[in-house]
Each structure stands twice: as structure tokens, then as C-alpha cells.
C-alpha atoms as a PDB file:
ATOM      1  CA  MET A   1      -5.724  31.190  44.905  1.00  0.00           C
ATOM      2  CA  ARG A   2      -8.978  29.910  43.349  1.00  0.00           C
ATOM      3  CA  ARG A   3      -8.692  32.464  40.529  1.00  0.00           C
ATOM      4  CA  GLN A   4      -5.110  31.398  39.824  1.00  0.00           C
ATOM      5  CA  SER A   5      -6.097  27.710  39.875  1.00  0.00           C
ATOM      6  CA  ARG A   6      -9.062  28.387  37.562  1.00  0.00           C
ATOM      7  CA  ARG A   7      -6.799  30.342  35.206  1.00  0.00           C
ATOM      8  CA  ARG A   8      -4.266  27.488  35.086  1.00  0.00           C
ATOM      9  CA  ASN A   9      -7.069  25.032  34.321  1.00  0.00           C
ATOM     10  CA  MET A  10      -8.353  27.228  31.486  1.00  0.00           C
ATOM     11  CA  ILE A  11      -4.846  27.509  30.001  1.00  0.00           C
ATOM     12  CA  ALA A  12      -4.400  23.733  30.226  1.00  0.00           C
ATOM     13  CA  LEU A  13      -7.756  23.121  28.515  1.00  0.00           C
ATOM     14  CA  SER A  14      -6.891  25.596  25.767  1.00  0.00           C
ATOM     15  CA  LEU A  15      -3.628  23.777  25.120  1.00  0.00           C
ATOM     16  CA  VAL A  16      -5.454  20.436  24.939  1.00  0.00           C
ATOM     17  CA  PHE A  17      -7.940  21.804  22.387  1.00  0.00           C
ATOM     18  CA  LEU A  18      -5.119  23.294  20.342  1.00  0.00           C
ATOM     19  CA  LEU A  19      -3.274  19.986  20.314  1.00  0.00           C
ATOM     20  CA  LEU A  20      -6.427  18.060  19.390  1.00  0.00           C
ATOM     21  CA  GLY A  21      -7.133  20.523  16.624  1.00  0.00           C
ATOM     22  CA  SER A  22      -3.571  20.165  15.370  1.00  0.00           C
ATOM     23  CA  ASP A  23      -3.880  16.358  15.340  1.00  0.00           C
ATOM     24  CA  ARG A  24      -7.153  16.545  13.411  1.00  0.00           C
ATOM     25  CA  THR A  25      -5.608  18.925  10.899  1.00  0.00           C
ATOM     26  CA  SER A  26      -2.596  16.668  10.447  1.00  0.00           C
ATOM     27  CA  THR A  27      -4.764  13.564  10.076  1.00  0.00           C
ATOM     28  CA  GLU A  28      -7.022  15.196   7.514  1.00  0.00           C
ATOM     29  CA  ARG A  29      -4.030  16.529   5.549  1.00  0.00           C
ATOM     30  CA  ASN A  30      -2.449  13.090   5.387  1.00  0.00           C
ATOM     31  CA  ARG A  31      -5.772  11.514   4.386  1.00  0.00           C
ATOM     32  CA  LEU A  32      -6.054  13.997   1.518  1.00  0.00           C
ATOM     33  CA  ARG A  33      -2.531  13.171   0.418  1.00  0.00           C
ATOM     34  CA  ALA A  34      -3.280   9.442   0.470  1.00  0.00           C
ATOM     35  CA  THR A  35      -6.435  10.043  -1.585  1.00  0.00           C
ATOM     36  CA  VAL A  36      -4.450  11.961  -4.186  1.00  0.00           C
ATOM     37  CA  ALA A  37      -1.829   9.196  -4.343  1.00  0.00           C
ATOM     38  CA  ALA A  38      -4.459   6.442  -4.692  1.00  0.00           C
ATOM     39  CA  ALA A  39      -6.217   8.355  -7.472  1.00  0.00           C
ATOM     40  CA  ALA A  40      -2.953   8.874  -9.355  1.00  0.00           C
ATOM     41  CA  LEU A  41      -2.029   5.182  -9.160  1.00  0.00           C
ATOM     42  CA  VAL A  42      -5.468   4.098 -10.390  1.00  0.00           C
ATOM     43  CA  GLU A  43      -5.357   6.645 -13.228  1.00  0.00           C
ATOM     44  CA  GLU A  44      -2.008   5.214 -14.321  1.00  0.00           C
ATOM     45  CA  ARG A  45      -3.730   1.827 -14.673  1.00  0.00           C
ATOM     46  CA  PHE A  46      -1.789   0.007 -12.013  1.00  0.00           C
ATOM     47  CA  GLU A  47      -3.825  -3.163 -11.635  1.00  0.00           C
ATOM     48  CA  THR A  48      -3.351  -3.399  -7.880  1.00  0.00           C
ATOM     49  CA  VAL A  49      -3.151  -0.563  -5.371  1.00  0.00           C
ATOM     50  CA  PHE A  50      -2.321  -1.382  -1.758  1.00  0.00           C
ATOM     51  CA  TYR A  51      -2.153   0.937   1.253  1.00  0.00           C
ATOM     52  CA  ALA A  52      -0.626   0.503   4.714  1.00  0.00           C
ATOM     53  CA  ASN A  53      -0.072   2.707   7.718  1.00  0.00           C
ATOM     54  CA  ALA A  54       3.668   3.367   8.074  1.00  0.00           C
ATOM     55  CA  ASP A  55       3.629   1.921  11.613  1.00  0.00           C
ATOM     56  CA  LEU A  56       2.950  -1.548  10.174  1.00  0.00           C
ATOM     57  CA  LEU A  57       6.076  -1.332   8.017  1.00  0.00           C
ATOM     58  CA  LEU A  58       8.241   0.086  10.795  1.00  0.00           C
ATOM     59  CA  SER A  59       7.362  -2.784  13.102  1.00  0.00           C
ATOM     60  CA  THR A  60       8.201  -6.471  12.918  1.00  0.00           C
ATOM     61  CA  GLY A  61       6.254  -9.452  14.184  1.00  0.00           C
ATOM     62  CA  ARG A  62       2.833  -8.789  15.711  1.00  0.00           C
ATOM     63  CA  TYR A  63       1.044  -5.549  14.907  1.00  0.00           C
ATOM     64  CA  LYS A  64      -1.544  -4.251  17.372  1.00  0.00           C
ATOM     65  CA  GLN A  65      -4.229  -6.973  17.647  1.00  0.00           C
ATOM     66  CA  LEU A  66      -2.937  -8.981  14.677  1.00  0.00           C
ATOM     67  CA  SER A  67      -0.993 -12.217  14.904  1.00  0.00           C
ATOM     68  CA  GLU A  68       2.584 -12.279  13.639  1.00  0.00           C
ATOM     69  CA  GLN A  69       1.588 -14.422  10.655  1.00  0.00           C
ATOM     70  CA  SER A  70      -1.170 -12.024   9.642  1.00  0.00           C
ATOM     71  CA  ALA A  71       0.992  -8.932  10.056  1.00  0.00           C
ATOM     72  CA  ASN A  72       3.798 -10.460   7.995  1.00  0.00           C
ATOM     73  CA  THR A  73       1.491 -11.362   5.106  1.00  0.00           C
ATOM     74  CA  LEU A  74       0.111  -7.817   5.108  1.00  0.00           C
ATOM     75  CA  ARG A  75       3.677  -6.578   4.650  1.00  0.00           C
ATOM     76  CA  LEU A  76       4.172  -8.654   1.462  1.00  0.00           C
ATOM     77  CA  PRO A  77       3.144  -5.899  -1.006  1.00  0.00           C
ATOM     78  CA  PHE A  78       5.831  -3.660   0.489  1.00  0.00           C
ATOM     79  CA  ALA A  79       8.699  -6.177   0.411  1.00  0.00           C
ATOM     80  CA  ASP A  80      10.379  -4.542  -2.602  1.00  0.00           C
ATOM     81  CA  LEU A  81      10.359  -1.159  -0.869  1.00  0.00           C
ATOM     82  CA  ILE A  82      11.796  -2.490   2.396  1.00  0.00           C
ATOM     83  CA  GLY A  83      14.373  -4.577   0.547  1.00  0.00           C
ATOM     84  CA  GLY A  84      15.443  -1.683  -1.665  1.00  0.00           C
ATOM     85  CA  LEU A  85      15.891   0.659   1.297  1.00  0.00           C
ATOM     86  CA  GLU A  86      17.659  -1.909   3.444  1.00  0.00           C
ATOM     87  CA  SER A  87      20.143  -2.489   0.625  1.00  0.00           C
ATOM     88  CA  LEU A  88      21.387   1.061   1.320  1.00  0.00           C
ATOM     89  CA  GLY A  89      22.204   0.345   4.945  1.00  0.00           C
ATOM     90  CA  PRO A  90      20.752  -1.127   8.141  1.00  0.00           C
ATOM     91  CA  HIS A  91      19.008   2.099   9.199  1.00  0.00           C
ATOM     92  CA  ALA A  92      17.915   3.541   5.840  1.00  0.00           C
ATOM     93  CA  SER A  93      14.458   1.970   5.911  1.00  0.00           C
ATOM     94  CA  ALA A  94      13.669   2.977   9.492  1.00  0.00           C
ATOM     95  CA  ASP A  95      15.043   6.508   8.997  1.00  0.00           C
ATOM     96  CA  LEU A  96      12.825   7.143   6.001  1.00  0.00           C
ATOM     97  CA  LEU A  97       9.642   5.389   7.158  1.00  0.00           C
ATOM     98  CA  SER A  98       9.801   7.081  10.566  1.00  0.00           C
ATOM     99  CA  LYS A  99       8.982  10.317   8.715  1.00  0.00           C
ATOM    100  CA  ALA A 100       6.048   8.776   6.845  1.00  0.00           C
ATOM    101  CA  ASP A 101       2.355   8.535   7.627  1.00  0.00           C
ATOM    102  CA  ALA A 102       1.495   5.836   5.092  1.00  0.00           C
ATOM    103  CA  VAL A 103       2.767   4.006   2.015  1.00  0.00           C
ATOM    104  CA  LEU A 104       0.900   3.042  -1.146  1.00  0.00           C
ATOM    105  CA  ILE A 105       2.030   0.707  -3.907  1.00  0.00           C
ATOM    106  CA  GLY A 106       0.803   0.415  -7.461  1.00  0.00           C
ATOM    107  CA  ALA A 107       1.733  -2.893  -9.136  1.00  0.00           C
ATOM    108  CA  ARG A 108       1.235  -4.330 -12.642  1.00  0.00           C
ATOM    109  CA  ASP A 109       2.869  -6.566 -15.282  1.00  0.00           C
ATOM    110  CA  PHE A 110       3.060  -9.536 -12.929  1.00  0.00           C
ATOM    111  CA  ARG A 111       5.625 -12.208 -13.823  1.00  0.00           C
ATOM    112  CA  PRO A 112       6.567 -15.520 -12.200  1.00  0.00           C
ATOM    113  CA  PRO A 113       9.865 -15.649 -10.305  1.00  0.00           C
ATOM    114  CA  ALA A 114      12.956 -17.069 -11.946  1.00  0.00           C
ATOM    115  CA  THR A 115      12.665 -20.232  -9.848  1.00  0.00           C
ATOM    116  CA  LEU A 116      11.182 -19.770  -6.376  1.00  0.00           C
ATOM    117  CA  GLY A 117      10.270 -16.655  -4.413  1.00  0.00           C
ATOM    118  CA  ASP A 118       8.024 -13.638  -4.883  1.00  0.00           C
ATOM    119  CA  VAL A 119       6.097 -12.847  -8.043  1.00  0.00           C
ATOM    120  CA  GLN A 120       7.871 -10.050  -9.925  1.00  0.00           C
ATOM    121  CA  SER A 121       6.094  -6.892 -11.082  1.00  0.00           C
ATOM    122  CA  GLN A 122       6.539  -3.299 -12.139  1.00  0.00           C
ATOM    123  CA  PHE A 123       6.015  -1.263  -8.973  1.00  0.00           C
ATOM    124  CA  CYS A 124       5.514   2.326  -7.899  1.00  0.00           C
ATOM    125  CA  TYR A 125       5.636   3.216  -4.209  1.00  0.00           C
ATOM    126  CA  VAL A 126       4.250   6.523  -2.977  1.00  0.00           C
ATOM    127  CA  VAL A 127       5.343   7.403   0.555  1.00  0.00           C
ATOM    128  CA  VAL A 128       2.955   9.907   2.160  1.00  0.00           C
ATOM    129  CA  LEU A 129       5.088  12.099   4.409  1.00  0.00           C
ATOM    130  CA  ALA A 130       3.807  12.876   7.895  1.00  0.00           C
ATOM    131  CA  GLY A 131       5.041  16.474   7.758  1.00  0.00           C
ATOM    132  CA  ASP A 132       6.191  19.041   5.235  1.00  0.00           C
ATOM    133  CA  ASN A 133       9.798  17.906   5.028  1.00  0.00           C
ATOM    134  CA  THR A 134      11.433  18.932   1.756  1.00  0.00           C
ATOM    135  CA  SER A 135      14.770  17.245   2.459  1.00  0.00           C
ATOM    136  CA  ILE A 136      13.780  13.737   3.510  1.00  0.00           C
ATOM    137  CA  LEU A 137      16.129  12.192   0.948  1.00  0.00           C
ATOM    138  CA  ALA A 138      19.127  14.168   2.199  1.00  0.00           C
ATOM    139  CA  ARG A 139      20.660  11.325   4.247  1.00  0.00           C
ATOM    140  CA  THR A 140      19.610   8.515   1.933  1.00  0.00           C
ATOM    141  CA  THR A 141      21.091  10.070  -1.188  1.00  0.00           C
ATOM    142  CA  LYS A 142      24.506  10.422   0.483  1.00  0.00           C
ATOM    143  CA  LEU A 143      24.792   6.688   1.063  1.00  0.00           C
ATOM    144  CA  PRO A 144      27.230   4.611  -1.001  1.00  0.00           C
ATOM    145  CA  GLY A 145      25.736   3.201  -4.182  1.00  0.00           C
ATOM    146  CA  VAL A 146      23.234   6.029  -4.711  1.00  0.00           C
ATOM    147  CA  SER A 147      23.773   8.236  -7.759  1.00  0.00           C
ATOM    148  CA  GLU A 148      21.948  11.297  -9.044  1.00  0.00           C
ATOM    149  CA  GLU A 149      20.124  11.386 -12.342  1.00  0.00           C
ATOM    150  CA  GLU A 150      18.942  14.486 -14.163  1.00  0.00           C
ATOM    151  CA  GLY A 151      16.137  16.419 -12.489  1.00  0.00           C
ATOM    152  CA  SER A 152      16.542  15.492  -8.798  1.00  0.00           C
ATOM    153  CA  VAL A 153      16.103  11.793  -9.474  1.00  0.00           C
ATOM    154  CA  TRP A 154      18.213   9.305  -7.547  1.00  0.00           C
ATOM    155  CA  LYS A 155      18.929   5.701  -8.443  1.00  0.00           C
ATOM    156  CA  TRP A 156      20.553   2.642  -6.948  1.00  0.00           C
ATOM    157  CA  ALA A 157      20.580  -1.121  -7.442  1.00  0.00           C
ATOM    158  CA  ALA A 158      19.836  -3.864  -4.925  1.00  0.00           C
ATOM    159  CA  LYS A 159      21.069  -7.429  -5.057  1.00  0.00           C
ATOM    160  CA  PRO A 160      18.829  -9.923  -6.893  1.00  0.00           C
ATOM    161  CA  THR A 161      16.059 -11.370  -4.766  1.00  0.00           C
ATOM    162  CA  GLU A 162      15.213 -15.062  -4.661  1.00  0.00           C
ATOM    163  CA  GLY A 163      12.646 -14.493  -7.408  1.00  0.00           C
ATOM    164  CA  SER A 164      14.967 -12.635  -9.798  1.00  0.00           C
ATOM    165  CA  ARG A 165      18.318 -13.332 -11.444  1.00  0.00           C
ATOM    166  CA  SER A 166      19.191  -9.683 -12.083  1.00  0.00           C
ATOM    167  CA  PRO A 167      19.733  -6.745  -9.689  1.00  0.00           C
ATOM    168  CA  ALA A 168      16.651  -4.688  -8.861  1.00  0.00           C
ATOM    169  CA  GLN A 169      16.869  -1.079 -10.063  1.00  0.00           C
ATOM    170  CA  TYR A 170      15.329   1.681  -7.957  1.00  0.00           C
ATOM    171  CA  TYR A 171      14.545   5.292  -8.880  1.00  0.00           C
ATOM    172  CA  ALA A 172      13.443   7.866  -6.313  1.00  0.00           C
ATOM    173  CA  THR A 173      12.390  11.482  -6.187  1.00  0.00           C
ATOM    174  CA  GLN A 174      10.646  13.759  -3.724  1.00  0.00           C
ATOM    175  CA  VAL A 175       7.530  15.775  -4.537  1.00  0.00           C
ATOM    176  CA  GLY A 176       7.617  18.884  -2.386  1.00  0.00           C
ATOM    177  CA  GLY A 177       7.198  18.167   1.300  1.00  0.00           C
ATOM    178  CA  SER A 178       4.326  15.759   0.713  1.00  0.00           C
ATOM    179  CA  TYR A 179       5.512  12.641  -1.104  1.00  0.00           C
ATOM    180  CA  LEU A 180       8.438  10.403  -1.859  1.00  0.00           C
ATOM    181  CA  VAL A 181       8.106   8.276  -5.006  1.00  0.00           C
ATOM    182  CA  ILE A 182      10.190   5.115  -5.494  1.00  0.00           C
ATOM    183  CA  THR A 183       9.736   3.037  -8.632  1.00  0.00           C
ATOM    184  CA  SER A 184      11.284   0.345 -10.804  1.00  0.00           C
ATOM    185  CA  ASN A 185      10.786   2.454 -13.930  1.00  0.00           C
ATOM    186  CA  LEU A 186      12.339   5.867 -14.630  1.00  0.00           C
ATOM    187  CA  ASP A 187       9.658   7.081 -17.046  1.00  0.00           C
ATOM    188  CA  GLY A 188       6.953   5.973 -14.639  1.00  0.00           C
ATOM    189  CA  LEU A 189       8.661   7.836 -11.810  1.00  0.00           C
ATOM    190  CA  ARG A 190       8.617  11.129 -13.683  1.00  0.00           C
ATOM    191  CA  LEU A 191       5.002  10.721 -14.742  1.00  0.00           C
ATOM    192  CA  MET A 192       3.848   9.933 -11.214  1.00  0.00           C
ATOM    193  CA  ALA A 193       5.851  12.828  -9.765  1.00  0.00           C
ATOM    194  CA  GLN A 194       4.187  15.204 -12.238  1.00  0.00           C
ATOM    195  CA  LYS A 195       0.732  13.954 -11.292  1.00  0.00           C
ATOM    196  CA  LEU A 196       1.369  14.348  -7.584  1.00  0.00           C
ATOM    197  CA  ALA A 197       2.963  17.775  -8.015  1.00  0.00           C
ATOM    198  CA  SER A 198      -0.084  19.021  -9.925  1.00  0.00           C
ATOM    199  CA  SER A 199      -2.252  18.141  -6.912  1.00  0.00           C
ATOM    200  CA  LYS A 200      -0.531  20.875  -4.873  1.00  0.00           C
ATOM    201  CA  GLY A 201       0.533  18.387  -2.232  1.00  0.00           C
ATOM    202  CA  GLY A 202      -2.970  17.350  -1.288  1.00  0.00           C
ATOM    203  CA  THR A 203      -3.835  20.742   0.206  1.00  0.00           C
ATOM    204  CA  SER A 204      -7.171  20.987  -1.629  1.00  0.00           C
ATOM    205  CA  PRO A 205      -9.937  18.357  -1.599  1.00  0.00           C
ATOM    206  CA  PRO A 206      -9.183  15.865  -4.379  1.00  0.00           C
ATOM    207  CA  LEU A 207     -11.623  13.824  -6.383  1.00  0.00           C
ATOM    208  CA  ALA A 208     -12.162  10.378  -4.881  1.00  0.00           C
ATOM    209  CA  PRO A 209     -10.280   7.707  -6.824  1.00  0.00           C
ATOM    210  CA  SER A 210     -12.183   5.246  -9.006  1.00  0.00           C
ATOM    211  CA  ILE A 211     -12.375   2.734  -6.182  1.00  0.00           C
ATOM    212  CA  ARG A 212     -15.719   1.236  -5.218  1.00  0.00           C
ATOM    213  CA  ASP A 213     -16.829   1.841  -1.621  1.00  0.00           C
ATOM    214  CA  TRP A 214     -13.889   4.253  -1.296  1.00  0.00           C
ATOM    215  CA  GLU A 215     -15.162   6.098   1.773  1.00  0.00           C
ATOM    216  CA  ALA A 216     -15.573   2.877   3.738  1.00  0.00           C
ATOM    217  CA  ILE A 217     -12.434   1.104   2.520  1.00  0.00           C
ATOM    218  CA  SER A 218     -10.091   4.070   2.951  1.00  0.00           C
ATOM    219  CA  GLN A 219     -10.903   4.398   6.661  1.00  0.00           C
ATOM    220  CA  HIS A 220      -8.804   1.325   7.440  1.00  0.00           C
ATOM    221  CA  GLU A 221      -5.087   1.097   8.246  1.00  0.00           C
ATOM    222  CA  VAL A 222      -4.516  -1.539   5.574  1.00  0.00           C
ATOM    223  CA  TRP A 223      -6.470  -1.952   2.351  1.00  0.00           C
ATOM    224  CA  GLY A 224      -6.032  -3.143  -1.201  1.00  0.00           C
ATOM    225  CA  TYR A 225      -7.897  -2.761  -4.480  1.00  0.00           C
ATOM    226  CA  ARG A 226      -7.593  -4.388  -7.873  1.00  0.00           C
ATOM    227  CA  ASN A 227      -9.199  -3.465 -11.176  1.00  0.00           C
ATOM    228  CA  TYR A 228      -9.580  -6.266 -13.702  1.00  0.00           C
ATOM    229  CA  TYR A 229      -8.600  -5.165 -17.208  1.00  0.00           C
ATOM    230  CA  HIS A 230      -9.880  -8.119 -19.214  1.00  0.00           C
ATOM    231  CA  ASN A 231      -8.959  -6.706 -22.618  1.00  0.00           C
ATOM    232  CA  GLU A 232      -5.267  -6.314 -21.812  1.00  0.00           C
ATOM    233  CA  ALA A 233      -2.781  -9.118 -22.387  1.00  0.00           C
ATOM    234  CA  GLU A 234      -1.191 -10.679 -19.319  1.00  0.00           C
ATOM    235  CA  ASN A 235       2.128 -12.475 -19.336  1.00  0.00           C
ATOM    236  CA  ASN A 236       1.132 -15.135 -16.846  1.00  0.00           C
ATOM    237  CA  LYS A 237      -2.308 -15.553 -15.260  1.00  0.00           C
ATOM    238  CA  GLU A 238      -1.033 -17.703 -12.420  1.00  0.00           C
ATOM    239  CA  ALA A 239       1.547 -15.104 -11.392  1.00  0.00           C
ATOM    240  CA  ALA A 240      -0.979 -12.309 -11.781  1.00  0.00           C
ATOM    241  CA  GLY A 241      -3.516 -14.146  -9.617  1.00  0.00           C
ATOM    242  CA  THR A 242      -6.154 -14.103 -12.355  1.00  0.00           C
ATOM    243  CA  SER A 243      -6.345 -17.757 -13.431  1.00  0.00           C
ATOM    244  CA  GLU A 244      -9.750 -18.048 -11.707  1.00  0.00           C
ATOM    245  CA  ILE A 245     -11.005 -14.602 -12.674  1.00  0.00           C
ATOM    246  CA  MET A 246     -13.684 -14.593 -15.372  1.00  0.00           C
ATOM    247  CA  SER A 247     -15.060 -11.746 -17.476  1.00  0.00           C
ATOM    248  CA  ASP A 248     -17.920 -11.189 -14.994  1.00  0.00           C
ATOM    249  CA  ALA A 249     -15.495  -9.813 -12.354  1.00  0.00           C
ATOM    250  CA  GLN A 250     -14.822  -6.080 -12.340  1.00  0.00           C
ATOM    251  CA  ALA A 251     -12.794  -5.473  -9.200  1.00  0.00           C
ATOM    252  CA  LEU A 252     -11.491  -6.937  -5.949  1.00  0.00           C
ATOM    253  CA  ALA A 253     -11.128  -5.128  -2.630  1.00  0.00           C
ATOM    254  CA  PHE A 254      -9.642  -6.020   0.737  1.00  0.00           C
ATOM    255  CA  PHE A 255      -9.410  -4.220   4.053  1.00  0.00           C
ATOM    256  CA  VAL A 256      -8.425  -5.058   7.612  1.00  0.00           C
ATOM    257  CA  ASP A 257     -10.793  -4.585  10.539  1.00  0.00           C
ATOM    258  CA  LEU A 258      -8.379  -4.409  13.465  1.00  0.00           C
ATOM    259  CA  LYS A 259     -11.087  -4.422  16.140  1.00  0.00           C
ATOM    260  CA  GLN A 260     -12.706  -7.581  14.804  1.00  0.00           C
ATOM    261  CA  GLN A 261      -9.337  -9.087  13.787  1.00  0.00           C
ATOM    262  CA  VAL A 262     -10.630 -10.016  10.347  1.00  0.00           C
ATOM    263  CA  GLY A 263      -9.748  -9.231   6.781  1.00  0.00           C
ATOM    264  CA  VAL A 264     -12.724  -8.497   4.541  1.00  0.00           C
ATOM    265  CA  LEU A 265     -12.436  -9.598   0.902  1.00  0.00           C
ATOM    266  CA  ARG A 266     -14.954  -8.133  -1.543  1.00  0.00           C
ATOM    267  CA  LEU A 267     -15.412  -9.241  -5.132  1.00  0.00           C
ATOM    268  CA  TYR A 268     -17.444  -7.042  -7.470  1.00  0.00           C
ATOM    269  CA  SER A 269     -18.875  -9.418 -10.050  1.00  0.00           C
ATOM    270  CA  SER A 270     -22.051  -9.315 -12.137  1.00  0.00           C
ATOM    271  CA  ALA A 271     -22.371 -13.119 -12.166  1.00  0.00           C
ATOM    272  CA  ALA A 272     -21.464 -16.128 -10.042  1.00  0.00           C
ATOM    273  CA  ASP A 273     -18.781 -17.573 -12.359  1.00  0.00           C
ATOM    274  CA  THR A 274     -15.739 -16.078 -10.625  1.00  0.00           C
ATOM    275  CA  PRO A 275     -16.951 -16.635  -7.017  1.00  0.00           C
ATOM    276  CA  HIS A 276     -17.742 -20.266  -7.844  1.00  0.00           C
ATOM    277  CA  LYS A 277     -14.282 -20.854  -9.352  1.00  0.00           C
ATOM    278  CA  ILE A 278     -12.551 -19.278  -6.369  1.00  0.00           C
ATOM    279  CA  ASN A 279     -14.720 -21.208  -3.890  1.00  0.00           C
ATOM    280  CA  ALA A 280     -14.184 -24.519  -5.700  1.00  0.00           C
ATOM    281  CA  LYS A 281     -10.614 -24.872  -4.389  1.00  0.00           C
ATOM    282  CA  HIS A 282     -11.639 -24.167  -0.769  1.00  0.00           C
ATOM    283  CA  MET A 283      -8.469 -22.103  -0.271  1.00  0.00           C
ATOM    284  CA  LEU A 284     -10.418 -19.230   1.295  1.00  0.00           C
ATOM    285  CA  PRO A 285     -13.596 -18.782   3.313  1.00  0.00           C
ATOM    286  CA  SER A 286     -16.549 -18.921   0.923  1.00  0.00           C
ATOM    287  CA  LEU A 287     -17.343 -15.810  -1.124  1.00  0.00           C
ATOM    288  CA  ASP A 288     -21.077 -15.260  -0.602  1.00  0.00           C
ATOM    289  CA  GLU A 289     -23.309 -12.734  -2.349  1.00  0.00           C
ATOM    290  CA  VAL A 290     -24.225 -10.069   0.225  1.00  0.00           C
ATOM    291  CA  ASN A 291     -25.751  -7.638  -2.259  1.00  0.00           C
ATOM    292  CA  THR A 292     -26.439  -7.623  -5.964  1.00  0.00           C
ATOM    293  CA  GLY A 293     -23.075  -7.939  -7.688  1.00  0.00           C
ATOM    294  CA  LEU A 294     -21.144  -7.906  -4.387  1.00  0.00           C
ATOM    295  CA  TRP A 295     -19.557 -11.051  -2.965  1.00  0.00           C
ATOM    296  CA  GLU A 296     -17.808 -11.115   0.398  1.00  0.00           C
ATOM    297  CA  ALA A 297     -15.642 -13.368   2.551  1.00  0.00           C
ATOM    298  CA  LYS A 298     -14.132 -12.744   5.978  1.00  0.00           C
ATOM    299  CA  VAL A 299     -10.678 -14.083   6.807  1.00  0.00           C
ATOM    300  CA  SER A 300      -9.672 -14.478  10.452  1.00  0.00           C
ATOM    301  CA  LEU A 301      -6.484 -12.644  11.393  1.00  0.00           C
ATOM    302  CA  SER A 302      -6.121 -14.132  14.870  1.00  0.00           C
ATOM    303  CA  GLY A 303      -4.704 -17.463  15.969  1.00  0.00           C
ATOM    304  CA  ASP A 304      -2.224 -19.758  14.260  1.00  0.00           C
ATOM    305  CA  GLN A 305      -4.278 -20.775  11.205  1.00  0.00           C
ATOM    306  CA  THR A 306      -4.175 -17.470   9.353  1.00  0.00           C
ATOM    307  CA  LEU A 307      -1.112 -17.942   7.165  1.00  0.00           C
ATOM    308  CA  GLN A 308      -2.461 -19.973   4.246  1.00  0.00           C
ATOM    309  CA  PRO A 309      -5.739 -18.042   3.770  1.00  0.00           C
ATOM    310  CA  MET A 310      -3.890 -14.713   3.878  1.00  0.00           C
ATOM    311  CA  VAL A 311      -1.212 -15.919   1.458  1.00  0.00           C
ATOM    312  CA  ASN A 312      -4.051 -16.854  -0.903  1.00  0.00           C
ATOM    313  CA  VAL A 313      -5.591 -13.396  -0.523  1.00  0.00           C
ATOM    314  CA  MET A 314      -2.267 -11.768  -1.371  1.00  0.00           C
ATOM    315  CA  GLY A 315      -1.999 -14.034  -4.404  1.00  0.00           C
ATOM    316  CA  LEU A 316      -5.294 -12.689  -5.759  1.00  0.00           C
ATOM    317  CA  PHE A 317      -3.733  -9.220  -5.751  1.00  0.00           C
ATOM    318  CA  GLY A 318      -0.548 -10.358  -7.522  1.00  0.00           C
ATOM    319  CA  PHE A 319       1.683 -10.857  -4.469  1.00  0.00           C
ATOM    320  CA  ALA A 320       1.999 -14.639  -4.516  1.00  0.00           C
ATOM    321  CA  ILE A 321       5.041 -16.609  -3.368  1.00  0.00           C
ATOM    322  CA  TYR A 322       6.280 -19.633  -5.314  1.00  0.00           C
ATOM    323  CA  LEU A 323       7.527 -22.326  -2.921  1.00  0.00           C
END
């Protein structure tokens, strides 16, 4: 009896180790895919890149230790994706995101809304699939209003949002079993799909994207990064969130520390001009120099006073709301 019991215990332990090994393999694969996607978005000169675990977008209200207000503001960069999918039917968004591990957005060309509402931008969403599913679009593309373009590209239109007078156009394609790309621009969709396809689905170690402190920032469930391209014309600095950004600033980063319930905002700036301008309005906790050229502020994500500071953070990345 003891031998049989010992044998059962050994089999059970072996199964546990196999499952743990499988989880580690899956996690590492998805991390590689997210790294590839982030690198591609940065290379395509999207000013802002934001990342979120798919669980945040599948849920509503509170998320883990975060207050409802904080969780909702963290969902702002992904509003166009959720809205575009929900325009296809009440379950389209949940069906698709339930098969995802994470979602990234690249945004640029920020424009003020028509009257009130969200700032408008050119966007590119990259959905990192949790498994190797080559037919994830099968149900979505059969829904009314979705039509097929040349080369396995699908398109549909959503009703105008509060910030726009014209319908929003969406283009989507799948890249193997690794990614789903959804954009507002057909040419951009094809270019991004080509870049992701050339990475072989994130199966080999990619080069880290040109994001400062990448290894630390990318460990978090929600993060954002913005490169400042000072030599490029902008349509509207207020909409873009750059009215207080001077030539000394190179980049802005943000990540969420769930355990501490804080958001960490980092400004990479060679001088104090930009931090002083941002601090002058007292709309955020003070940006203090913590290292040479690195300024940091911590925003509380607990309690009932998180909404305004977090809305201001989102505005610095180009996701402001005109009220």
C-alpha cells in the first residue's frame, strides 16, 4: 500500500511540475510576442505605446487592488478598440479578448474632438493571442457589417463617437496564430502585419524595443511610453498633451505597481524646464529628480481622489477628454 501511495504522489508531483513548466513556457512566449509588438510600434514612430493585460479590458469596474476610477482611466487608451468591437455585437469584444493575453496600442496624429469627448488619433492595436489560434477572426468576420478586403483584411465602420462627426473605420487582419492587428489605417495595417510576420510570431528572442528602462517597465500589467519627436509638426499641442513639453524632454513612461497601488510617472529630461512647467499647474504630484535626467512622480491609485490625477496622466500620453 505504501508503494502504491508513494507512486501516486510521484505521479501527482510530476503532473504539477509539467503544468508549472507549461505555464512558464506560455508566459515567456507571450512576453516575447509583446516585446516584438512594442518594438514594431516604436519603429513605426507611433508617439505613444500603451500596454495592458487582457484581463483589465475584459473586466469592468474595479480591477484587482485598483479602485474603479483608476481602472477605468487605465482603460482609456483602449476605448477605440472596445468601441469598435462592441459595434459588431454585444459579445464580439468579450469573445475576442477572452483569447488574448495582452493588448498594445500605438497612437499618433492627435487631434481635438469635434466638440466634446475623447481626443482623436490614428491608432494601431496589436492583440497578443494567448495561444496559437489561427482562426480567431472566424466568428467576428461573419457578423453583419464586416466585409473582406484583398489579402485577408477585414473592415467595418462604427458609429461616430462623441468626439467625432464621422463614422470610425476599422481594418483588421490576423498574423499567424500570434497576433491580431486592428487599425484605423489600411496602409498602416499591412505594414504592421508584415513587421510582425517577419518576427516569426515571437518564437525567437527579439531585440528589446527602444524604450528606456524596458526590462523594469515591461514587467508590469499596465504600462505606457511616449517618445517626443520635437522636429515633427503637430496639429494641436493641447490635444497631443505636449503644450507643457519643452525641447529638453526626450520621453515619458508610466507603469502601474499593483501591490503598492500607485502609478509611477517617469519623465526623461536633460533639464528642469519641462518638469517645472508640469509642476506649475499642480495637476499631478510633483515630478522630482531622482537621478540625473530622470524625474519621477507617484500617483495614488486607491481611494476616491484618483480620478483627476489619472486623467491628467492620460492626457500627457494623448488620451485626454474634453469636457
